């Protein structure tokens, strides 16, 4: 089974992640989770739409992540109106992510949050591929530092 984060390898160095609060006219407000494919943050970002913040999930809580089109790397630093009727975004958290393990039951990863309410903490998550472009995300644990 292909894992939710496709071509990202466990041996790779940590890569940047960002959570953006996206308010758009045609769809309800949501969180966009963007993940760089490399440590430098260059190249297209893997992007998931979430119904809620990832960085505030309680241990053992779950949420859904729906894969949407890749975004440009500039979204790692973006804030404000998008133009052309696409609404506006607000950067709500940034961090760096490392894949810990890819197993038949899902992908385990750890995010060290740099900004947002979880700043200074590490979050362990599991992602399990569901049908289509969806993943179930489960918060496994929180660690200090």
N, C-alpha and C. Protein backbone atom coordinates (compact mmCIF):
# COMPACT_ATOMS: atom_id res chain seq x y z
N UNK A 1 0.85 -1.19 0.00
CA UNK A 1 0.00 0.00 0.00
C UNK A 1 0.89 1.24 0.00
N UNK A 2 0.56 2.21 -0.83
CA UNK A 2 1.28 3.47 -0.87
C UNK A 2 0.91 4.29 0.36
N UNK A 3 1.88 4.92 0.98
CA UNK A 3 1.57 5.68 2.18
C UNK A 3 1.12 7.09 1.83
N UNK A 4 0.45 7.73 2.78
CA UNK A 4 -0.17 9.05 2.58
C UNK A 4 0.80 10.11 2.12
N UNK A 5 2.03 10.02 2.50
CA UNK A 5 2.98 11.08 2.17
C UNK A 5 3.86 10.72 0.98
N UNK A 6 3.39 9.83 0.15
CA UNK A 6 4.00 9.44 -1.12
C UNK A 6 5.50 9.28 -1.10
N UNK A 7 6.18 10.22 -1.74
CA UNK A 7 7.60 10.06 -2.01
C UNK A 7 8.51 10.55 -0.88
N UNK A 8 7.98 10.80 0.29
CA UNK A 8 8.81 11.27 1.40
C UNK A 8 9.40 10.06 2.13
N UNK A 9 10.70 10.08 2.30
CA UNK A 9 11.39 8.93 2.88
C UNK A 9 11.73 9.16 4.35
N UNK A 10 11.67 8.09 5.16
CA UNK A 10 12.02 8.22 6.58
C UNK A 10 13.45 8.68 6.81
N UNK A 11 14.37 8.37 5.92
CA UNK A 11 15.77 8.74 6.13
C UNK A 11 16.06 10.21 5.81
N UNK A 12 15.10 10.90 5.22
CA UNK A 12 15.32 12.30 4.82
C UNK A 12 15.39 13.21 6.04
N UNK A 13 16.13 14.32 5.93
CA UNK A 13 16.18 15.28 7.04
C UNK A 13 14.83 15.96 7.24
N UNK A 14 14.62 16.60 8.39
CA UNK A 14 13.34 17.28 8.63
C UNK A 14 13.06 18.31 7.53
N UNK A 15 11.80 18.46 7.22
CA UNK A 15 11.40 19.41 6.20
C UNK A 15 10.36 20.37 6.76
N UNK A 16 10.25 21.58 6.21
CA UNK A 16 9.29 22.57 6.72
C UNK A 16 7.84 22.15 6.50
N UNK A 17 6.99 22.52 7.46
CA UNK A 17 5.54 22.38 7.33
C UNK A 17 4.90 23.69 7.77
N UNK A 18 3.71 23.94 7.27
CA UNK A 18 2.96 25.12 7.67
C UNK A 18 1.48 24.76 7.73
N UNK A 19 0.77 25.38 8.66
CA UNK A 19 -0.69 25.32 8.72
C UNK A 19 -1.21 26.70 8.37
N UNK A 20 -2.11 26.75 7.39
CA UNK A 20 -2.71 28.01 6.97
C UNK A 20 -4.21 27.96 7.19
N UNK A 21 -4.76 29.01 7.80
CA UNK A 21 -6.20 29.15 7.92
C UNK A 21 -6.67 29.82 6.63
N UNK A 22 -7.54 29.13 5.88
CA UNK A 22 -7.96 29.60 4.57
C UNK A 22 -9.45 29.91 4.59
N UNK A 23 -9.76 31.17 4.35
CA UNK A 23 -11.15 31.61 4.23
C UNK A 23 -11.36 31.97 2.78
N UNK A 24 -12.26 31.23 2.12
CA UNK A 24 -12.54 31.46 0.71
C UNK A 24 -14.04 31.61 0.52
N UNK A 25 -14.43 32.38 -0.45
CA UNK A 25 -15.84 32.62 -0.70
C UNK A 25 -16.65 31.38 -1.01
N UNK A 26 -16.12 30.47 -1.82
CA UNK A 26 -16.91 29.32 -2.25
C UNK A 26 -16.90 28.14 -1.29
N UNK A 27 -15.98 28.05 -0.41
CA UNK A 27 -15.93 26.91 0.50
C UNK A 27 -15.86 27.39 1.95
N UNK A 28 -16.28 26.53 2.89
CA UNK A 28 -16.20 26.93 4.30
C UNK A 28 -14.74 27.09 4.73
N UNK A 29 -14.47 27.90 5.75
CA UNK A 29 -13.10 28.05 6.26
C UNK A 29 -12.51 26.69 6.63
N UNK A 30 -11.22 26.53 6.40
CA UNK A 30 -10.55 25.25 6.67
C UNK A 30 -9.07 25.51 6.90
N UNK A 31 -8.37 24.47 7.27
CA UNK A 31 -6.92 24.53 7.47
C UNK A 31 -6.25 23.81 6.30
N UNK A 32 -5.23 24.43 5.73
CA UNK A 32 -4.40 23.78 4.72
C UNK A 32 -3.07 23.42 5.38
N UNK A 33 -2.72 22.14 5.31
CA UNK A 33 -1.46 21.63 5.85
C UNK A 33 -0.53 21.41 4.67
N UNK A 34 0.58 22.13 4.65
CA UNK A 34 1.51 22.04 3.53
C UNK A 34 2.86 21.52 4.02
N UNK A 35 3.40 20.59 3.25
CA UNK A 35 4.61 19.87 3.64
C UNK A 35 5.62 19.97 2.50
N UNK A 36 6.81 20.48 2.81
CA UNK A 36 7.87 20.54 1.81
C UNK A 36 8.39 19.14 1.54
N UNK A 37 8.78 18.90 0.32
CA UNK A 37 9.32 17.59 -0.05
C UNK A 37 10.81 17.46 0.28
N UNK A 38 11.44 18.57 0.69
CA UNK A 38 12.86 18.52 1.03
C UNK A 38 13.15 19.55 2.12
N UNK A 39 14.33 19.46 2.70
CA UNK A 39 14.69 20.32 3.82
C UNK A 39 14.78 21.79 3.45
N UNK A 40 15.08 22.08 2.20
CA UNK A 40 15.22 23.48 1.78
C UNK A 40 13.88 24.16 1.52
N UNK A 41 12.82 23.38 1.38
CA UNK A 41 11.50 23.97 1.11
C UNK A 41 11.30 24.38 -0.33
N UNK A 42 12.19 23.96 -1.22
CA UNK A 42 12.04 24.27 -2.64
C UNK A 42 11.19 23.20 -3.31
N UNK A 43 10.47 23.57 -4.33
CA UNK A 43 9.65 22.63 -5.08
C UNK A 43 8.22 22.58 -4.55
N UNK A 44 7.37 21.87 -5.27
CA UNK A 44 5.95 21.81 -4.90
C UNK A 44 5.74 21.24 -3.49
N UNK A 45 4.74 21.78 -2.80
CA UNK A 45 4.41 21.34 -1.44
C UNK A 45 3.27 20.33 -1.49
N UNK A 46 3.43 19.22 -0.80
CA UNK A 46 2.30 18.31 -0.59
C UNK A 46 1.27 19.09 0.22
N UNK A 47 0.00 19.04 -0.16
CA UNK A 47 -1.00 19.85 0.52
C UNK A 47 -2.23 19.02 0.87
N UNK A 48 -2.67 19.18 2.11
CA UNK A 48 -3.87 18.50 2.61
C UNK A 48 -4.83 19.54 3.18
N UNK A 49 -6.11 19.33 2.98
CA UNK A 49 -7.15 20.17 3.58
C UNK A 49 -7.65 19.45 4.82
N UNK A 50 -7.69 20.19 5.93
CA UNK A 50 -8.13 19.64 7.22
C UNK A 50 -9.34 20.42 7.72
N UNK A 51 -10.26 19.78 8.41
CA UNK A 51 -11.38 20.51 8.99
C UNK A 51 -11.02 21.28 10.26
N UNK A 52 -9.87 20.95 10.86
CA UNK A 52 -9.46 21.59 12.11
C UNK A 52 -7.94 21.65 12.19
N UNK A 53 -7.45 22.38 13.17
CA UNK A 53 -6.00 22.52 13.36
C UNK A 53 -5.37 21.20 13.75
N UNK A 54 -4.25 20.91 13.17
CA UNK A 54 -3.48 19.72 13.49
C UNK A 54 -2.71 19.92 14.80
N UNK A 55 -2.23 21.13 15.03
CA UNK A 55 -1.36 21.42 16.17
C UNK A 55 -2.08 21.58 17.49
N UNK A 56 -3.39 21.36 17.50
CA UNK A 56 -4.14 21.41 18.76
C UNK A 56 -4.89 20.10 19.03
N UNK A 57 -4.62 19.07 18.24
CA UNK A 57 -5.28 17.78 18.46
C UNK A 57 -4.82 17.16 19.78
N UNK A 58 -5.76 16.70 20.55
CA UNK A 58 -5.43 16.02 21.80
C UNK A 58 -4.91 14.61 21.49
N UNK A 59 -4.11 14.06 22.38
CA UNK A 59 -3.62 12.69 22.23
C UNK A 59 -4.81 11.74 22.05
N UNK A 60 -4.69 10.84 21.11
CA UNK A 60 -5.69 9.84 20.72
C UNK A 60 -6.86 10.42 19.92
N UNK A 61 -6.84 11.71 19.62
CA UNK A 61 -7.87 12.32 18.78
C UNK A 61 -7.52 12.09 17.31
N UNK A 62 -8.55 12.11 16.47
CA UNK A 62 -8.33 11.94 15.04
C UNK A 62 -9.00 13.06 14.26
N UNK A 63 -8.53 13.26 13.05
CA UNK A 63 -9.15 14.18 12.11
C UNK A 63 -8.90 13.63 10.72
N UNK A 64 -9.56 14.18 9.75
CA UNK A 64 -9.41 13.76 8.36
C UNK A 64 -8.49 14.73 7.63
N UNK A 65 -7.73 14.22 6.70
CA UNK A 65 -6.88 15.03 5.83
C UNK A 65 -7.21 14.62 4.40
N UNK A 66 -7.58 15.59 3.59
CA UNK A 66 -7.93 15.32 2.20
C UNK A 66 -6.85 15.93 1.30
N UNK A 67 -6.21 15.10 0.50
CA UNK A 67 -5.14 15.56 -0.39
C UNK A 67 -5.73 16.44 -1.48
N UNK A 68 -5.15 17.63 -1.64
CA UNK A 68 -5.53 18.52 -2.72
C UNK A 68 -4.28 18.78 -3.58
N UNK A 69 -4.41 19.64 -4.57
CA UNK A 69 -3.29 19.88 -5.48
C UNK A 69 -2.08 20.46 -4.74
N UNK A 70 -0.91 20.15 -5.27
CA UNK A 70 0.33 20.71 -4.72
C UNK A 70 0.28 22.23 -4.81
N UNK A 71 0.98 22.89 -3.89
CA UNK A 71 1.07 24.35 -3.88
C UNK A 71 2.52 24.79 -4.06
N UNK A 72 2.68 26.03 -4.48
CA UNK A 72 4.02 26.58 -4.67
C UNK A 72 4.71 26.78 -3.32
N UNK A 73 6.03 26.70 -3.29
CA UNK A 73 6.77 26.84 -2.03
C UNK A 73 6.59 28.18 -1.34
N UNK A 74 6.17 29.21 -2.06
CA UNK A 74 5.97 30.52 -1.44
C UNK A 74 4.91 30.47 -0.33
N UNK A 75 4.04 29.45 -0.35
CA UNK A 75 3.02 29.33 0.69
C UNK A 75 3.60 28.99 2.06
N UNK A 76 4.85 28.59 2.12
CA UNK A 76 5.49 28.38 3.43
C UNK A 76 5.62 29.70 4.19
N UNK A 77 5.63 30.83 3.45
CA UNK A 77 5.83 32.14 4.06
C UNK A 77 4.65 33.09 3.85
N UNK A 78 3.61 32.63 3.18
CA UNK A 78 2.49 33.49 2.76
C UNK A 78 1.54 33.85 3.91
N UNK A 79 0.95 35.03 3.81
CA UNK A 79 -0.06 35.53 4.74
C UNK A 79 -0.85 36.60 4.02
N UNK A 80 -2.19 36.60 4.12
CA UNK A 80 -2.97 37.69 3.57
C UNK A 80 -3.85 37.29 2.40
N UNK A 81 -4.37 38.29 1.66
CA UNK A 81 -5.28 38.03 0.54
C UNK A 81 -4.56 37.30 -0.60
N UNK A 82 -5.31 36.38 -1.23
CA UNK A 82 -4.74 35.61 -2.33
C UNK A 82 -5.05 36.22 -3.69
N UNK A 83 -6.10 37.02 -3.77
CA UNK A 83 -6.49 37.62 -5.05
C UNK A 83 -7.31 36.68 -5.90
N UNK A 84 -7.86 37.19 -6.96
CA UNK A 84 -8.66 36.44 -7.93
C UNK A 84 -9.78 35.62 -7.29
N UNK A 85 -10.39 36.17 -6.23
CA UNK A 85 -11.52 35.52 -5.59
C UNK A 85 -11.19 34.25 -4.81
N UNK A 86 -9.92 34.05 -4.49
CA UNK A 86 -9.52 32.83 -3.77
C UNK A 86 -9.51 33.01 -2.26
N UNK A 87 -9.95 34.17 -1.79
CA UNK A 87 -10.03 34.40 -0.34
C UNK A 87 -8.71 34.87 0.23
N UNK A 88 -8.52 34.55 1.51
CA UNK A 88 -7.27 34.94 2.18
C UNK A 88 -6.80 33.83 3.09
N UNK A 89 -5.51 33.88 3.40
CA UNK A 89 -4.92 32.89 4.29
C UNK A 89 -4.20 33.60 5.43
N UNK A 90 -4.12 32.86 6.54
CA UNK A 90 -3.37 33.36 7.70
C UNK A 90 -2.51 32.20 8.19
N UNK A 91 -1.22 32.44 8.32
CA UNK A 91 -0.32 31.41 8.82
C UNK A 91 -0.57 31.23 10.31
N UNK A 92 -0.96 30.03 10.72
CA UNK A 92 -1.30 29.80 12.12
C UNK A 92 -0.26 28.96 12.86
N UNK A 93 0.59 28.25 12.14
CA UNK A 93 1.65 27.48 12.79
C UNK A 93 2.69 27.06 11.75
N UNK A 94 3.93 26.96 12.20
CA UNK A 94 5.01 26.44 11.36
C UNK A 94 5.81 25.42 12.16
N UNK A 95 6.47 24.54 11.45
CA UNK A 95 7.27 23.53 12.13
C UNK A 95 8.16 22.80 11.16
N UNK A 96 8.78 21.74 11.65
CA UNK A 96 9.58 20.86 10.80
C UNK A 96 9.15 19.42 11.09
N UNK A 97 9.07 18.64 10.02
CA UNK A 97 8.52 17.30 10.12
C UNK A 97 9.54 16.26 9.69
N UNK A 98 9.51 15.15 10.38
CA UNK A 98 10.36 14.00 10.05
C UNK A 98 9.47 12.76 10.06
N UNK A 99 9.61 11.93 9.02
CA UNK A 99 8.90 10.65 8.99
C UNK A 99 9.67 9.68 9.85
N UNK A 100 8.99 9.03 10.78
CA UNK A 100 9.63 8.10 11.70
C UNK A 100 9.59 6.67 11.15
N UNK A 101 8.44 6.29 10.56
CA UNK A 101 8.30 4.91 10.11
C UNK A 101 7.17 4.82 9.09
N UNK A 102 7.40 4.01 8.06
CA UNK A 102 6.35 3.68 7.10
C UNK A 102 6.07 2.19 7.28
N UNK A 103 4.86 1.86 7.72
CA UNK A 103 4.50 0.48 8.01
C UNK A 103 3.18 0.15 7.31
N UNK A 104 2.85 -1.14 7.21
CA UNK A 104 1.59 -1.50 6.55
C UNK A 104 0.36 -0.84 7.20
N UNK A 105 0.42 -0.57 8.49
CA UNK A 105 -0.71 0.05 9.18
C UNK A 105 -0.78 1.56 9.06
N UNK A 106 0.24 2.18 8.48
CA UNK A 106 0.22 3.63 8.34
C UNK A 106 1.61 4.24 8.43
N UNK A 107 1.64 5.53 8.33
CA UNK A 107 2.89 6.30 8.38
C UNK A 107 2.96 7.03 9.71
N UNK A 108 4.09 6.91 10.41
CA UNK A 108 4.30 7.63 11.67
C UNK A 108 5.25 8.78 11.40
N UNK A 109 4.89 9.95 11.91
CA UNK A 109 5.73 11.11 11.72
C UNK A 109 5.77 11.94 12.99
N UNK A 110 6.73 12.85 13.05
CA UNK A 110 6.87 13.74 14.20
C UNK A 110 7.07 15.15 13.68
N UNK A 111 6.29 16.08 14.23
CA UNK A 111 6.42 17.49 13.88
C UNK A 111 6.92 18.25 15.10
N UNK A 112 8.01 18.98 14.92
CA UNK A 112 8.49 19.90 15.95
C UNK A 112 7.88 21.26 15.59
N UNK A 113 6.97 21.74 16.43
CA UNK A 113 6.28 23.00 16.15
C UNK A 113 7.15 24.18 16.58
N UNK A 114 7.34 25.14 15.68
CA UNK A 114 8.17 26.32 15.95
C UNK A 114 7.32 27.54 16.33
N UNK A 115 6.13 27.65 15.75
CA UNK A 115 5.21 28.76 16.06
C UNK A 115 3.81 28.19 16.26
N UNK A 116 2.93 29.00 16.82
CA UNK A 116 1.57 28.56 17.11
C UNK A 116 1.45 28.11 18.55
N UNK A 117 0.27 27.63 18.93
CA UNK A 117 0.04 27.26 20.34
C UNK A 117 0.89 26.10 20.83
N UNK A 118 1.41 25.28 19.93
CA UNK A 118 2.23 24.13 20.33
C UNK A 118 3.73 24.42 20.20
N UNK A 119 4.09 25.68 20.04
CA UNK A 119 5.49 26.07 19.87
C UNK A 119 6.36 25.45 20.96
N UNK A 120 7.48 24.84 20.55
CA UNK A 120 8.39 24.22 21.50
C UNK A 120 8.04 22.78 21.84
N UNK A 121 6.99 22.25 21.24
CA UNK A 121 6.59 20.86 21.50
C UNK A 121 6.72 20.04 20.23
N UNK A 122 6.82 18.72 20.43
CA UNK A 122 6.84 17.78 19.31
C UNK A 122 5.57 16.94 19.36
N UNK A 123 4.98 16.74 18.21
CA UNK A 123 3.73 15.99 18.10
C UNK A 123 3.99 14.75 17.25
N UNK A 124 3.59 13.58 17.77
CA UNK A 124 3.71 12.33 17.03
C UNK A 124 2.35 12.01 16.44
N UNK A 125 2.33 11.78 15.13
CA UNK A 125 1.08 11.53 14.41
C UNK A 125 1.18 10.25 13.61
N UNK A 126 0.05 9.59 13.43
CA UNK A 126 -0.01 8.48 12.47
C UNK A 126 -1.01 8.86 11.39
N UNK A 127 -0.68 8.50 10.16
CA UNK A 127 -1.55 8.74 9.02
C UNK A 127 -1.89 7.40 8.40
N UNK A 128 -3.17 7.15 8.21
CA UNK A 128 -3.61 5.91 7.59
C UNK A 128 -4.37 6.27 6.32
N UNK A 129 -3.91 5.73 5.20
CA UNK A 129 -4.55 5.98 3.91
C UNK A 129 -5.96 5.42 3.92
N UNK A 130 -6.89 6.23 3.44
CA UNK A 130 -8.26 5.77 3.25
C UNK A 130 -8.55 5.78 1.77
N UNK A 131 -9.76 5.50 1.39
CA UNK A 131 -10.08 5.47 -0.04
C UNK A 131 -9.91 6.85 -0.66
N UNK A 132 -9.55 6.86 -1.94
CA UNK A 132 -9.39 8.12 -2.65
C UNK A 132 -8.21 8.92 -2.16
N UNK A 133 -8.41 10.22 -1.95
CA UNK A 133 -7.33 11.12 -1.56
C UNK A 133 -7.31 11.40 -0.06
N UNK A 134 -8.00 10.60 0.73
CA UNK A 134 -8.11 10.89 2.15
C UNK A 134 -7.19 10.07 3.03
N UNK A 135 -6.86 10.66 4.17
CA UNK A 135 -6.09 10.01 5.22
C UNK A 135 -6.77 10.29 6.55
N UNK A 136 -6.68 9.34 7.45
CA UNK A 136 -7.07 9.60 8.83
C UNK A 136 -5.79 9.95 9.58
N UNK A 137 -5.83 11.06 10.31
CA UNK A 137 -4.68 11.52 11.08
C UNK A 137 -5.01 11.32 12.56
N UNK A 138 -4.11 10.66 13.28
CA UNK A 138 -4.31 10.42 14.70
C UNK A 138 -3.12 10.95 15.48
N UNK A 139 -3.43 11.72 16.51
CA UNK A 139 -2.38 12.23 17.39
C UNK A 139 -1.99 11.12 18.37
N UNK A 140 -0.74 10.67 18.28
CA UNK A 140 -0.29 9.59 19.14
C UNK A 140 0.28 10.07 20.46
N UNK A 141 0.94 11.23 20.45
CA UNK A 141 1.58 11.71 21.67
C UNK A 141 2.09 13.13 21.47
N UNK A 142 2.30 13.81 22.59
CA UNK A 142 2.96 15.11 22.63
C UNK A 142 4.20 14.98 23.48
N UNK A 143 5.29 15.63 23.04
CA UNK A 143 6.56 15.61 23.79
C UNK A 143 7.05 17.04 23.94
N UNK A 144 7.68 17.35 25.05
CA UNK A 144 8.30 18.66 25.22
C UNK A 144 9.62 18.70 24.49
N UNK A 145 9.97 19.89 24.00
CA UNK A 145 11.27 20.09 23.37
C UNK A 145 11.29 19.68 21.99
